[in-house]
Amino acid sequence: MSPLPPALPFWLSFCLPPLAVIGMVHGGWTVALLPLSTWWLFTLLDALTGHETSNPDPRTPETQLTAYRLVTLVWPPIQFALLAAMLWYVPRATHLGTGERIALFFGMGVVSGTIGINYSHELMHQKSRLERWLADLLLASVLYSHFRSEHLRVHHIHVGTPRDPVTARYNEGFHRFFPRVLVQCPRSAWRAEAAMLARRGLPWWHRSNPFWRYAVLQAAFLALALALGGWSGLGLFLVQAFTAVWQLELVNYIEHYGLTRRHLGEGRYEHVLPRHSWNADHRASNWLLINLQRHSDHHYKPDRRFPVLQTYTQDEAPQLPYGYPLMTMIAMVPPLWKRVMNRRVKDWRRQHYPDITDWHPYNKALNPVAG
């Protein structure tokens, strides 16, 4: 085992809010600083910094993780302050044209999706009430509160099976995946929460159903956007929210594309293993995404905090050729994505399931239109 990696690089996300301020004040080409930084700069940094293949001790006590935990605890108030400032300032800024205003909130959505939702993902997995509330607030700020229920009660349980909407089907392009999950995920999240209440002998309308909390928090953010920025601010807020959701689902798409768990019969599947998620150990993008790319270990051991997530070799888990920033851009071009990834899925099938010679039933179960 290696020592814990330095905490400071994981604070790189805090360099992004000043770029939003620069764009607000100066306009022009500076409104593109946020997407350029998160996508292209970190792709370049990945090429320069290479891979991080060492693994810290997963038994590291919580007392040694304080500097890492603070990353996700300090970020939410900064994101909320930036969003509020933009909602108040941008609609009133006479030096900004309509295109520049939309571009600024598109960039804000890239940040609230790439960083905010990612941090909420880390927070929602923790036992602390504060951390879970921060997760709910971050998700409400992009109108995607149901993600917590869907992620914890559906995705982690059913990943790699037909019951998980977020597992991207083999040969399914992102532009078909995205509208499908927008429809299916809220439904599956609602059914999961209603089923849990039913097991406790409670009706779906019981006050403990988290969907009531989700609705109140999302309504509060909509009201705040209207109060700060008027109808123009509300429209820009929706641009930000949609962009953030698009960013989230792009990441969801690449994390499990084409990977399935062995069906054991009678609706049962093998346990989740590292090989059921794509792994990426690119150093710089893992700094930005607090080790989200060590996704194979996250699904294998979901209670591990991000500093102690493990990476795996090619023999243990399938590997993405590039970090998430570049892979998400590739995913937006389905023919290119399939050229890059389909052969890797086939290699994975031959490596881990050599006894399965006919994959058509798996393809059909996950995606009826796939061959």
Foldseek 3Di string as FASTA:
>chain_A
DDAFDDQVLLLVLVVQLVLLVVCLVPPDPSLCVLLCCLFVVLQVVLVVVDFDADFHDLPPDPVVCVSNVVSLVVPLVVLVVSLLVLLQRRLVDPVYDPVSNLSSLLSSLLSLQLPVQLSLLLLLLDPDPSSPVSSQLSCLLLLRNLCSLLVPQFCLVQQQAQSRLLQAFALDAVVNSVVSCVPPRSVSSLVRLQVVCVVVVHGSPDPPRCVVVSVVSNVVSLVSSCVNRNPVSSVSSNSSSVSSSLSNSLVSHQFQHNAHFDDPDPPDGDQQALARTEAERRPNSCSHSLQVRLVSQCSVPVNGRSSRRHHDDCLRYHYDPGDSSVLSVQSVPSVSNCVRPVVSSVVSCCRPPVVDPDCVVVSCRNPVVDD
